[in-house]
ModelCIF file with pLDDT and N, C-alpha, C, O atoms, coordinates in Angstrom:
data_MODEL
#
_entry.id   MODEL 
#
_entity.id                         1 
_entity.type                       polymer 
_entity.pdbx_number_of_molecules   1 
#
_entity_poly.entity_id                      1 
_entity_poly.type                           'polypeptide(L)' 
_entity_poly.nstd_linkage                   no 
_entity_poly.nstd_monomer                   no 
_entity_poly.pdbx_seq_one_letter_code       AKLIDQYLRKANDELAEVKKETAGVMAEESRTRRLVEENEKESARQT 
_entity_poly.pdbx_seq_one_letter_code_can   AKLIDQYLRKANDELAEVKKETAGVMAEESRTRRLVEENEKESARQT 
_entity_poly.pdbx_strand_id                 A 
#
loop_
_entity_poly_seq.entity_id 
_entity_poly_seq.num 
_entity_poly_seq.mon_id 
_entity_poly_seq.hetero 
1 1  ALA n 
1 2  LYS n 
1 3  LEU n 
1 4  ILE n 
1 5  ASP n 
1 6  GLN n 
1 7  TYR n 
1 8  LEU n 
1 9  ARG n 
1 10 LYS n 
1 11 ALA n 
1 12 ASN n 
1 13 ASP n 
1 14 GLU n 
1 15 LEU n 
1 16 ALA n 
1 17 GLU n 
1 18 VAL n 
1 19 LYS n 
1 20 LYS n 
1 21 GLU n 
1 22 THR n 
1 23 ALA n 
1 24 GLY n 
1 25 VAL n 
1 26 MET n 
1 27 ALA n 
1 28 GLU n 
1 29 GLU n 
1 30 SER n 
1 31 ARG n 
1 32 THR n 
1 33 ARG n 
1 34 ARG n 
1 35 LEU n 
1 36 VAL n 
1 37 GLU n 
1 38 GLU n 
1 39 ASN n 
1 40 GLU n 
1 41 LYS n 
1 42 GLU n 
1 43 SER n 
1 44 ALA n 
1 45 ARG n 
1 46 GLN n 
1 47 THR n 
#
_struct_asym.id          A 
_struct_asym.entity_id   1 
#
loop_
_ma_qa_metric.id 
_ma_qa_metric.mode 
_ma_qa_metric.name 
_ma_qa_metric.software_group_id 
_ma_qa_metric.type 
1 global pLDDT . pLDDT 
2 local  pLDDT . pLDDT 
#
_ma_qa_metric_global.metric_id      1 
_ma_qa_metric_global.metric_value   88.83 
_ma_qa_metric_global.model_id       1 
_ma_qa_metric_global.ordinal_id     1 
#
loop_
_ma_qa_metric_local.label_asym_id 
_ma_qa_metric_local.label_comp_id 
_ma_qa_metric_local.label_seq_id 
_ma_qa_metric_local.metric_id 
_ma_qa_metric_local.metric_value 
_ma_qa_metric_local.model_id 
_ma_qa_metric_local.ordinal_id 
A ALA 1  2 69.00 1 1  
A LYS 2  2 76.00 1 2  
A LEU 3  2 78.00 1 3  
A ILE 4  2 77.00 1 4  
A ASP 5  2 81.00 1 5  
A GLN 6  2 82.00 1 6  
A TYR 7  2 80.00 1 7  
A LEU 8  2 83.00 1 8  
A ARG 9  2 85.00 1 9  
A LYS 10 2 86.00 1 10 
A ALA 11 2 83.00 1 11 
A ASN 12 2 86.00 1 12 
A ASP 13 2 87.00 1 13 
A GLU 14 2 85.00 1 14 
A LEU 15 2 86.00 1 15 
A ALA 16 2 88.00 1 16 
A GLU 17 2 87.00 1 17 
A VAL 18 2 86.00 1 18 
A LYS 19 2 87.00 1 19 
A LYS 20 2 88.00 1 20 
A GLU 21 2 88.00 1 21 
A THR 22 2 88.00 1 22 
A ALA 23 2 90.00 1 23 
A GLY 24 2 90.00 1 24 
A VAL 25 2 90.00 1 25 
A MET 26 2 91.00 1 26 
A ALA 27 2 92.00 1 27 
A GLU 28 2 92.00 1 28 
A GLU 29 2 92.00 1 29 
A SER 30 2 94.00 1 30 
A ARG 31 2 94.00 1 31 
A THR 32 2 94.00 1 32 
A ARG 33 2 94.00 1 33 
A ARG 34 2 95.00 1 34 
A LEU 35 2 95.00 1 35 
A VAL 36 2 95.00 1 36 
A GLU 37 2 95.00 1 37 
A GLU 38 2 95.00 1 38 
A ASN 39 2 95.00 1 39 
A GLU 40 2 95.00 1 40 
A LYS 41 2 95.00 1 41 
A GLU 42 2 95.00 1 42 
A SER 43 2 94.00 1 43 
A ALA 44 2 95.00 1 44 
A ARG 45 2 95.00 1 45 
A GLN 46 2 94.00 1 46 
A THR 47 2 93.00 1 47 
#
loop_
_atom_site.group_PDB 
_atom_site.id 
_atom_site.type_symbol 
_atom_site.label_atom_id 
_atom_site.label_alt_id 
_atom_site.label_comp_id 
_atom_site.label_asym_id 
_atom_site.label_entity_id 
_atom_site.label_seq_id 
_atom_site.pdbx_PDB_ins_code 
_atom_site.Cartn_x 
_atom_site.Cartn_y 
_atom_site.Cartn_z 
_atom_site.occupancy 
_atom_site.B_iso_or_equiv 
_atom_site.pdbx_formal_charge 
_atom_site.auth_seq_id 
_atom_site.auth_comp_id 
_atom_site.auth_asym_id 
_atom_site.auth_atom_id 
_atom_site.pdbx_PDB_model_num 
ATOM 1   N N  . ALA A 1 1  ? -9.068  -3.243  29.410  1.00 69.00 ? 1  ALA A N  1 
ATOM 2   C CA . ALA A 1 1  ? -10.231 -3.530  28.571  1.00 69.00 ? 1  ALA A CA 1 
ATOM 3   C C  . ALA A 1 1  ? -10.548 -2.345  27.662  1.00 69.00 ? 1  ALA A C  1 
ATOM 4   O O  . ALA A 1 1  ? -10.830 -2.524  26.477  1.00 69.00 ? 1  ALA A O  1 
ATOM 5   N N  . LYS A 1 2  ? -10.500 -1.131  28.220  1.00 76.00 ? 2  LYS A N  1 
ATOM 6   C CA . LYS A 1 2  ? -10.755 0.054   27.406  1.00 76.00 ? 2  LYS A CA 1 
ATOM 7   C C  . LYS A 1 2  ? -9.627  0.275   26.418  1.00 76.00 ? 2  LYS A C  1 
ATOM 8   O O  . LYS A 1 2  ? -9.864  0.671   25.277  1.00 76.00 ? 2  LYS A O  1 
ATOM 9   N N  . LEU A 1 3  ? -8.398  0.019   26.852  1.00 78.00 ? 3  LEU A N  1 
ATOM 10  C CA . LEU A 1 3  ? -7.253  0.244   25.977  1.00 78.00 ? 3  LEU A CA 1 
ATOM 11  C C  . LEU A 1 3  ? -7.272  -0.696  24.783  1.00 78.00 ? 3  LEU A C  1 
ATOM 12  O O  . LEU A 1 3  ? -6.940  -0.292  23.668  1.00 78.00 ? 3  LEU A O  1 
ATOM 13  N N  . ILE A 1 4  ? -7.655  -1.942  25.005  1.00 77.00 ? 4  ILE A N  1 
ATOM 14  C CA . ILE A 1 4  ? -7.663  -2.887  23.885  1.00 77.00 ? 4  ILE A CA 1 
ATOM 15  C C  . ILE A 1 4  ? -8.720  -2.491  22.858  1.00 77.00 ? 4  ILE A C  1 
ATOM 16  O O  . ILE A 1 4  ? -8.524  -2.691  21.660  1.00 77.00 ? 4  ILE A O  1 
ATOM 17  N N  . ASP A 1 5  ? -9.849  -1.926  23.322  1.00 81.00 ? 5  ASP A N  1 
ATOM 18  C CA . ASP A 1 5  ? -10.856 -1.431  22.381  1.00 81.00 ? 5  ASP A CA 1 
ATOM 19  C C  . ASP A 1 5  ? -10.296 -0.272  21.566  1.00 81.00 ? 5  ASP A C  1 
ATOM 20  O O  . ASP A 1 5  ? -10.511 -0.191  20.357  1.00 81.00 ? 5  ASP A O  1 
ATOM 21  N N  . GLN A 1 6  ? -9.569  0.631   22.243  1.00 82.00 ? 6  GLN A N  1 
ATOM 22  C CA . GLN A 1 6  ? -8.961  1.765   21.548  1.00 82.00 ? 6  GLN A CA 1 
ATOM 23  C C  . GLN A 1 6  ? -7.918  1.277   20.549  1.00 82.00 ? 6  GLN A C  1 
ATOM 24  O O  . GLN A 1 6  ? -7.853  1.766   19.421  1.00 82.00 ? 6  GLN A O  1 
ATOM 25  N N  . TYR A 1 7  ? -7.107  0.316   20.965  1.00 80.00 ? 7  TYR A N  1 
ATOM 26  C CA . TYR A 1 7  ? -6.079  -0.194  20.075  1.00 80.00 ? 7  TYR A CA 1 
ATOM 27  C C  . TYR A 1 7  ? -6.699  -0.888  18.866  1.00 80.00 ? 7  TYR A C  1 
ATOM 28  O O  . TYR A 1 7  ? -6.211  -0.750  17.745  1.00 80.00 ? 7  TYR A O  1 
ATOM 29  N N  . LEU A 1 8  ? -7.775  -1.635  19.099  1.00 83.00 ? 8  LEU A N  1 
ATOM 30  C CA . LEU A 1 8  ? -8.438  -2.318  17.988  1.00 83.00 ? 8  LEU A CA 1 
ATOM 31  C C  . LEU A 1 8  ? -9.013  -1.319  16.985  1.00 83.00 ? 8  LEU A C  1 
ATOM 32  O O  . LEU A 1 8  ? -8.920  -1.514  15.773  1.00 83.00 ? 8  LEU A O  1 
ATOM 33  N N  . ARG A 1 9  ? -9.611  -0.242  17.513  1.00 85.00 ? 9  ARG A N  1 
ATOM 34  C CA . ARG A 1 9  ? -10.148 0.782   16.606  1.00 85.00 ? 9  ARG A CA 1 
ATOM 35  C C  . ARG A 1 9  ? -9.025  1.400   15.768  1.00 85.00 ? 9  ARG A C  1 
ATOM 36  O O  . ARG A 1 9  ? -9.170  1.591   14.561  1.00 85.00 ? 9  ARG A O  1 
ATOM 37  N N  . LYS A 1 10 ? -7.906  1.708   16.428  1.00 86.00 ? 10 LYS A N  1 
ATOM 38  C CA . LYS A 1 10 ? -6.773  2.295   15.716  1.00 86.00 ? 10 LYS A CA 1 
ATOM 39  C C  . LYS A 1 10 ? -6.197  1.312   14.707  1.00 86.00 ? 10 LYS A C  1 
ATOM 40  O O  . LYS A 1 10 ? -5.885  1.688   13.577  1.00 86.00 ? 10 LYS A O  1 
ATOM 41  N N  . ALA A 1 11 ? -6.056  0.046   15.116  1.00 83.00 ? 11 ALA A N  1 
ATOM 42  C CA . ALA A 1 11 ? -5.505  -0.967  14.221  1.00 83.00 ? 11 ALA A CA 1 
ATOM 43  C C  . ALA A 1 11 ? -6.402  -1.189  13.009  1.00 83.00 ? 11 ALA A C  1 
ATOM 44  O O  . ALA A 1 11 ? -5.911  -1.384  11.898  1.00 83.00 ? 11 ALA A O  1 
ATOM 45  N N  . ASN A 1 12 ? -7.714  -1.160  13.221  1.00 86.00 ? 12 ASN A N  1 
ATOM 46  C CA . ASN A 1 12 ? -8.644  -1.330  12.103  1.00 86.00 ? 12 ASN A CA 1 
ATOM 47  C C  . ASN A 1 12 ? -8.590  -0.138  11.152  1.00 86.00 ? 12 ASN A C  1 
ATOM 48  O O  . ASN A 1 12 ? -8.713  -0.298  9.938   1.00 86.00 ? 12 ASN A O  1 
ATOM 49  N N  . ASP A 1 13 ? -8.404  1.072   11.717  1.00 87.00 ? 13 ASP A N  1 
ATOM 50  C CA . ASP A 1 13 ? -8.234  2.250   10.868  1.00 87.00 ? 13 ASP A CA 1 
ATOM 51  C C  . ASP A 1 13 ? -6.958  2.116   10.041  1.00 87.00 ? 13 ASP A C  1 
ATOM 52  O O  . ASP A 1 13 ? -6.945  2.424   8.849   1.00 87.00 ? 13 ASP A O  1 
ATOM 53  N N  . GLU A 1 14 ? -5.884  1.653   10.687  1.00 85.00 ? 14 GLU A N  1 
ATOM 54  C CA . GLU A 1 14 ? -4.618  1.465   9.979   1.00 85.00 ? 14 GLU A CA 1 
ATOM 55  C C  . GLU A 1 14 ? -4.753  0.381   8.906   1.00 85.00 ? 14 GLU A C  1 
ATOM 56  O O  . GLU A 1 14 ? -4.201  0.498   7.812   1.00 85.00 ? 14 GLU A O  1 
ATOM 57  N N  . LEU A 1 15 ? -5.500  -0.679  9.244   1.00 86.00 ? 15 LEU A N  1 
ATOM 58  C CA . LEU A 1 15 ? -5.702  -1.749  8.270   1.00 86.00 ? 15 LEU A CA 1 
ATOM 59  C C  . LEU A 1 15 ? -6.442  -1.232  7.041   1.00 86.00 ? 15 LEU A C  1 
ATOM 60  O O  . LEU A 1 15 ? -6.107  -1.589  5.912   1.00 86.00 ? 15 LEU A O  1 
ATOM 61  N N  . ALA A 1 16 ? -7.447  -0.392  7.267   1.00 88.00 ? 16 ALA A N  1 
ATOM 62  C CA . ALA A 1 16 ? -8.197  0.162   6.137   1.00 88.00 ? 16 ALA A CA 1 
ATOM 63  C C  . ALA A 1 16 ? -7.288  1.006   5.257   1.00 88.00 ? 16 ALA A C  1 
ATOM 64  O O  . ALA A 1 16 ? -7.403  0.970   4.032   1.00 88.00 ? 16 ALA A O  1 
ATOM 65  N N  . GLU A 1 17 ? -6.381  1.771   5.874   1.00 87.00 ? 17 GLU A N  1 
ATOM 66  C CA . GLU A 1 17 ? -5.462  2.601   5.097   1.00 87.00 ? 17 GLU A CA 1 
ATOM 67  C C  . GLU A 1 17 ? -4.434  1.747   4.363   1.00 87.00 ? 17 GLU A C  1 
ATOM 68  O O  . GLU A 1 17 ? -4.120  1.993   3.199   1.00 87.00 ? 17 GLU A O  1 
ATOM 69  N N  . VAL A 1 18 ? -3.912  0.736   5.067   1.00 86.00 ? 18 VAL A N  1 
ATOM 70  C CA . VAL A 1 18 ? -2.955  -0.173  4.435   1.00 86.00 ? 18 VAL A CA 1 
ATOM 71  C C  . VAL A 1 18 ? -3.615  -0.902  3.271   1.00 86.00 ? 18 VAL A C  1 
ATOM 72  O O  . VAL A 1 18 ? -3.003  -1.084  2.218   1.00 86.00 ? 18 VAL A O  1 
ATOM 73  N N  . LYS A 1 19 ? -4.861  -1.318  3.462   1.00 87.00 ? 19 LYS A N  1 
ATOM 74  C CA . LYS A 1 19 ? -5.582  -2.012  2.396   1.00 87.00 ? 19 LYS A CA 1 
ATOM 75  C C  . LYS A 1 19 ? -5.717  -1.116  1.164   1.00 87.00 ? 19 LYS A C  1 
ATOM 76  O O  . LYS A 1 19 ? -5.543  -1.562  0.030   1.00 87.00 ? 19 LYS A O  1 
ATOM 77  N N  . LYS A 1 20 ? -6.031  0.155   1.414   1.00 88.00 ? 20 LYS A N  1 
ATOM 78  C CA . LYS A 1 20 ? -6.176  1.100   0.301   1.00 88.00 ? 20 LYS A CA 1 
ATOM 79  C C  . LYS A 1 20 ? -4.845  1.285   -0.423  1.00 88.00 ? 20 LYS A C  1 
ATOM 80  O O  . LYS A 1 20 ? -4.792  1.262   -1.652  1.00 88.00 ? 20 LYS A O  1 
ATOM 81  N N  . GLU A 1 21 ? -3.768  1.470   0.350   1.00 88.00 ? 21 GLU A N  1 
ATOM 82  C CA . GLU A 1 21 ? -2.448  1.654   -0.243  1.00 88.00 ? 21 GLU A CA 1 
ATOM 83  C C  . GLU A 1 21 ? -1.983  0.380   -0.953  1.00 88.00 ? 21 GLU A C  1 
ATOM 84  O O  . GLU A 1 21 ? -1.369  0.439   -2.018  1.00 88.00 ? 21 GLU A O  1 
ATOM 85  N N  . THR A 1 22 ? -2.286  -0.771  -0.347  1.00 88.00 ? 22 THR A N  1 
ATOM 86  C CA . THR A 1 22 ? -1.898  -2.037  -0.966  1.00 88.00 ? 22 THR A CA 1 
ATOM 87  C C  . THR A 1 22 ? -2.594  -2.219  -2.310  1.00 88.00 ? 22 THR A C  1 
ATOM 88  O O  . THR A 1 22 ? -1.981  -2.663  -3.280  1.00 88.00 ? 22 THR A O  1 
ATOM 89  N N  . ALA A 1 23 ? -3.859  -1.876  -2.358  1.00 90.00 ? 23 ALA A N  1 
ATOM 90  C CA . ALA A 1 23 ? -4.606  -1.981  -3.606  1.00 90.00 ? 23 ALA A CA 1 
ATOM 91  C C  . ALA A 1 23 ? -3.974  -1.097  -4.680  1.00 90.00 ? 23 ALA A C  1 
ATOM 92  O O  . ALA A 1 23 ? -3.882  -1.487  -5.844  1.00 90.00 ? 23 ALA A O  1 
ATOM 93  N N  . GLY A 1 24 ? -3.538  0.108   -4.271  1.00 90.00 ? 24 GLY A N  1 
ATOM 94  C CA . GLY A 1 24 ? -2.892  1.008   -5.228  1.00 90.00 ? 24 GLY A CA 1 
ATOM 95  C C  . GLY A 1 24 ? -1.576  0.445   -5.738  1.00 90.00 ? 24 GLY A C  1 
ATOM 96  O O  . GLY A 1 24 ? -1.293  0.510   -6.935  1.00 90.00 ? 24 GLY A O  1 
ATOM 97  N N  . VAL A 1 25 ? -0.768  -0.108  -4.837  1.00 90.00 ? 25 VAL A N  1 
ATOM 98  C CA . VAL A 1 25 ? 0.522   -0.689  -5.236  1.00 90.00 ? 25 VAL A CA 1 
ATOM 99  C C  . VAL A 1 25 ? 0.305   -1.899  -6.140  1.00 90.00 ? 25 VAL A C  1 
ATOM 100 O O  . VAL A 1 25 ? 1.018   -2.077  -7.128  1.00 90.00 ? 25 VAL A O  1 
ATOM 101 N N  . MET A 1 26 ? -0.680  -2.730  -5.798  1.00 91.00 ? 26 MET A N  1 
ATOM 102 C CA . MET A 1 26 ? -0.961  -3.908  -6.629  1.00 91.00 ? 26 MET A CA 1 
ATOM 103 C C  . MET A 1 26 ? -1.477  -3.490  -8.004  1.00 91.00 ? 26 MET A C  1 
ATOM 104 O O  . MET A 1 26 ? -1.180  -4.138  -9.008  1.00 91.00 ? 26 MET A O  1 
ATOM 105 N N  . ALA A 1 27 ? -2.240  -2.417  -8.044  1.00 92.00 ? 27 ALA A N  1 
ATOM 106 C CA . ALA A 1 27 ? -2.730  -1.911  -9.332  1.00 92.00 ? 27 ALA A CA 1 
ATOM 107 C C  . ALA A 1 27 ? -1.562  -1.421  -10.185 1.00 92.00 ? 27 ALA A C  1 
ATOM 108 O O  . ALA A 1 27 ? -1.543  -1.622  -11.399 1.00 92.00 ? 27 ALA A O  1 
ATOM 109 N N  . GLU A 1 28 ? -0.590  -0.779  -9.542  1.00 92.00 ? 28 GLU A N  1 
ATOM 110 C CA . GLU A 1 28 ? 0.595   -0.303  -10.272 1.00 92.00 ? 28 GLU A CA 1 
ATOM 111 C C  . GLU A 1 28 ? 1.394   -1.490  -10.815 1.00 92.00 ? 28 GLU A C  1 
ATOM 112 O O  . GLU A 1 28 ? 1.907   -1.433  -11.933 1.00 92.00 ? 28 GLU A O  1 
ATOM 113 N N  . GLU A 1 29 ? 1.500   -2.559  -10.030 1.00 92.00 ? 29 GLU A N  1 
ATOM 114 C CA . GLU A 1 29 ? 2.194   -3.762  -10.484 1.00 92.00 ? 29 GLU A CA 1 
ATOM 115 C C  . GLU A 1 29 ? 1.489   -4.354  -11.704 1.00 92.00 ? 29 GLU A C  1 
ATOM 116 O O  . GLU A 1 29 ? 2.133   -4.780  -12.663 1.00 92.00 ? 29 GLU A O  1 
ATOM 117 N N  . SER A 1 30 ? 0.160   -4.372  -11.652 1.00 94.00 ? 30 SER A N  1 
ATOM 118 C CA . SER A 1 30 ? -0.602  -4.899  -12.790 1.00 94.00 ? 30 SER A CA 1 
ATOM 119 C C  . SER A 1 30 ? -0.400  -4.043  -14.038 1.00 94.00 ? 30 SER A C  1 
ATOM 120 O O  . SER A 1 30 ? -0.284  -4.562  -15.149 1.00 94.00 ? 30 SER A O  1 
ATOM 121 N N  . ARG A 1 31 ? -0.358  -2.714  -13.841 1.00 94.00 ? 31 ARG A N  1 
ATOM 122 C CA . ARG A 1 31 ? -0.187  -1.809  -14.976 1.00 94.00 ? 31 ARG A CA 1 
ATOM 123 C C  . ARG A 1 31 ? 1.177   -2.004  -15.639 1.00 94.00 ? 31 ARG A C  1 
ATOM 124 O O  . ARG A 1 31 ? 1.275   -2.091  -16.863 1.00 94.00 ? 31 ARG A O  1 
ATOM 125 N N  . THR A 1 32 ? 2.238   -2.072  -14.809 1.00 94.00 ? 32 THR A N  1 
ATOM 126 C CA . THR A 1 32 ? 3.585   -2.240  -15.374 1.00 94.00 ? 32 THR A CA 1 
ATOM 127 C C  . THR A 1 32 ? 3.748   -3.615  -16.014 1.00 94.00 ? 32 THR A C  1 
ATOM 128 O O  . THR A 1 32 ? 4.443   -3.757  -17.020 1.00 94.00 ? 32 THR A O  1 
ATOM 129 N N  . ARG A 1 33 ? 3.103   -4.632  -15.428 1.00 94.00 ? 33 ARG A N  1 
ATOM 130 C CA . ARG A 1 33 ? 3.175   -5.960  -16.043 1.00 94.00 ? 33 ARG A CA 1 
ATOM 131 C C  . ARG A 1 33 ? 2.492   -5.950  -17.413 1.00 94.00 ? 33 ARG A C  1 
ATOM 132 O O  . ARG A 1 33 ? 2.960   -6.569  -18.369 1.00 94.00 ? 33 ARG A O  1 
ATOM 133 N N  . ARG A 1 34 ? 1.386   -5.237  -17.476 1.00 95.00 ? 34 ARG A N  1 
ATOM 134 C CA . ARG A 1 34 ? 0.665   -5.159  -18.747 1.00 95.00 ? 34 ARG A CA 1 
ATOM 135 C C  . ARG A 1 34 ? 1.511   -4.424  -19.804 1.00 95.00 ? 34 ARG A C  1 
ATOM 136 O O  . ARG A 1 34 ? 1.503   -4.784  -20.981 1.00 95.00 ? 34 ARG A O  1 
ATOM 137 N N  . LEU A 1 35 ? 2.233   -3.396  -19.359 1.00 95.00 ? 35 LEU A N  1 
ATOM 138 C CA . LEU A 1 35 ? 3.108   -2.666  -20.291 1.00 95.00 ? 35 LEU A CA 1 
ATOM 139 C C  . LEU A 1 35 ? 4.228   -3.565  -20.804 1.00 95.00 ? 35 LEU A C  1 
ATOM 140 O O  . LEU A 1 35 ? 4.583   -3.519  -21.982 1.00 95.00 ? 35 LEU A O  1 
ATOM 141 N N  . VAL A 1 36 ? 4.782   -4.384  -19.908 1.00 95.00 ? 36 VAL A N  1 
ATOM 142 C CA . VAL A 1 36 ? 5.835   -5.323  -20.321 1.00 95.00 ? 36 VAL A CA 1 
ATOM 143 C C  . VAL A 1 36 ? 5.281   -6.315  -21.336 1.00 95.00 ? 36 VAL A C  1 
ATOM 144 O O  . VAL A 1 36 ? 5.930   -6.611  -22.339 1.00 95.00 ? 36 VAL A O  1 
ATOM 145 N N  . GLU A 1 37 ? 4.089   -6.825  -21.076 1.00 95.00 ? 37 GLU A N  1 
ATOM 146 C CA . GLU A 1 37 ? 3.483   -7.802  -21.991 1.00 95.00 ? 37 GLU A CA 1 
ATOM 147 C C  . GLU A 1 37 ? 3.200   -7.152  -23.351 1.00 95.00 ? 37 GLU A C  1 
ATOM 148 O O  . GLU A 1 37 ? 3.433   -7.762  -24.395 1.00 95.00 ? 37 GLU A O  1 
ATOM 149 N N  . GLU A 1 38 ? 2.697   -5.913  -23.334 1.00 95.00 ? 38 GLU A N  1 
ATOM 150 C CA . GLU A 1 38 ? 2.410   -5.218  -24.592 1.00 95.00 ? 38 GLU A CA 1 
ATOM 151 C C  . GLU A 1 38 ? 3.704   -4.943  -25.360 1.00 95.00 ? 38 GLU A C  1 
ATOM 152 O O  . GLU A 1 38 ? 3.735   -5.025  -26.588 1.00 95.00 ? 38 GLU A O  1 
ATOM 153 N N  . ASN A 1 39 ? 4.773   -4.615  -24.622 1.00 95.00 ? 39 ASN A N  1 
ATOM 154 C CA . ASN A 1 39 ? 6.068   -4.365  -25.264 1.00 95.00 ? 39 ASN A CA 1 
ATOM 155 C C  . ASN A 1 39 ? 6.591   -5.624  -25.941 1.00 95.00 ? 39 ASN A C  1 
ATOM 156 O O  . ASN A 1 39 ? 7.110   -5.583  -27.056 1.00 95.00 ? 39 ASN A O  1 
ATOM 157 N N  . GLU A 1 40 ? 6.441   -6.748  -25.235 1.00 95.00 ? 40 GLU A N  1 
ATOM 158 C CA . GLU A 1 40 ? 6.905   -8.015  -25.798 1.00 95.00 ? 40 GLU A CA 1 
ATOM 159 C C  . GLU A 1 40 ? 6.088   -8.396  -27.025 1.00 95.00 ? 40 GLU A C  1 
ATOM 160 O O  . GLU A 1 40 ? 6.635   -8.908  -28.001 1.00 95.00 ? 40 GLU A O  1 
ATOM 161 N N  . LYS A 1 41 ? 4.799   -8.152  -26.981 1.00 95.00 ? 41 LYS A N  1 
ATOM 162 C CA . LYS A 1 41 ? 3.957   -8.450  -28.146 1.00 95.00 ? 41 LYS A CA 1 
ATOM 163 C C  . LYS A 1 41 ? 4.352   -7.585  -29.343 1.00 95.00 ? 41 LYS A C  1 
ATOM 164 O O  . LYS A 1 41 ? 4.414   -8.055  -30.479 1.00 95.00 ? 41 LYS A O  1 
ATOM 165 N N  . GLU A 1 42 ? 4.618   -6.309  -29.056 1.00 95.00 ? 42 GLU A N  1 
ATOM 166 C CA . GLU A 1 42 ? 5.023   -5.401  -30.140 1.00 95.00 ? 42 GLU A CA 1 
ATOM 167 C C  . GLU A 1 42 ? 6.378   -5.804  -30.712 1.00 95.00 ? 42 GLU A C  1 
ATOM 168 O O  . GLU A 1 42 ? 6.593   -5.718  -31.921 1.00 95.00 ? 42 GLU A O  1 
ATOM 169 N N  . SER A 1 43 ? 7.288   -6.240  -29.850 1.00 94.00 ? 43 SER A N  1 
ATOM 170 C CA . SER A 1 43 ? 8.595   -6.710  -30.323 1.00 94.00 ? 43 SER A CA 1 
ATOM 171 C C  . SER A 1 43 ? 8.433   -7.926  -31.217 1.00 94.00 ? 43 SER A C  1 
ATOM 172 O O  . SER A 1 43 ? 9.084   -8.045  -32.255 1.00 94.00 ? 43 SER A O  1 
ATOM 173 N N  . ALA A 1 44 ? 7.551   -8.829  -30.797 1.00 95.00 ? 44 ALA A N  1 
ATOM 174 C CA . ALA A 1 44 ? 7.294   -10.029 -31.604 1.00 95.00 ? 44 ALA A CA 1 
ATOM 175 C C  . ALA A 1 44 ? 6.653   -9.648  -32.937 1.00 95.00 ? 44 ALA A C  1 
ATOM 176 O O  . ALA A 1 44 ? 6.913   -10.283 -33.960 1.00 95.00 ? 44 ALA A O  1 
ATOM 177 N N  . ARG A 1 45 ? 5.805   -8.598  -32.923 1.00 95.00 ? 45 ARG A N  1 
ATOM 178 C CA . ARG A 1 45 ? 5.144   -8.170  -34.165 1.00 95.00 ? 45 ARG A CA 1 
ATOM 179 C C  . ARG A 1 45 ? 6.168   -7.597  -35.163 1.00 95.00 ? 45 ARG A C  1 
ATOM 180 O O  . ARG A 1 45 ? 6.102   -7.848  -36.366 1.00 95.00 ? 45 ARG A O  1 
ATOM 181 N N  . GLN A 1 46 ? 7.112   -6.823  -34.617 1.00 94.00 ? 46 GLN A N  1 
ATOM 182 C CA . GLN A 1 46 ? 8.153   -6.257  -35.485 1.00 94.00 ? 46 GLN A CA 1 
ATOM 183 C C  . GLN A 1 46 ? 9.034   -7.363  -36.072 1.00 94.00 ? 46 GLN A C  1 
ATOM 184 O O  . GLN A 1 46 ? 9.468   -7.273  -37.220 1.00 94.00 ? 46 GLN A O  1 
ATOM 185 N N  . THR A 1 47 ? 9.288   -8.386  -35.293 1.00 93.00 ? 47 THR A N  1 
ATOM 186 C CA . THR A 1 47 ? 10.062  -9.527  -35.787 1.00 93.00 ? 47 THR A CA 1 
ATOM 187 C C  . THR A 1 47 ? 9.324   -10.214 -36.936 1.00 93.00 ? 47 THR A C  1 
ATOM 188 O O  . THR A 1 47 ? 9.817   -11.199 -37.485 1.00 93.00 ? 47 THR A O  1 
#
């Protein structure tokens, strides 16, 4: 019973860290996607 409480606390701490890292990775994906879209728009403009 005590161990499961300890494990839950640790797992929740890990989840909070994973959530933070996941948000950062997803933000990077959004940034690179936006760069690709801007590049394509600029290519179309030059055409």
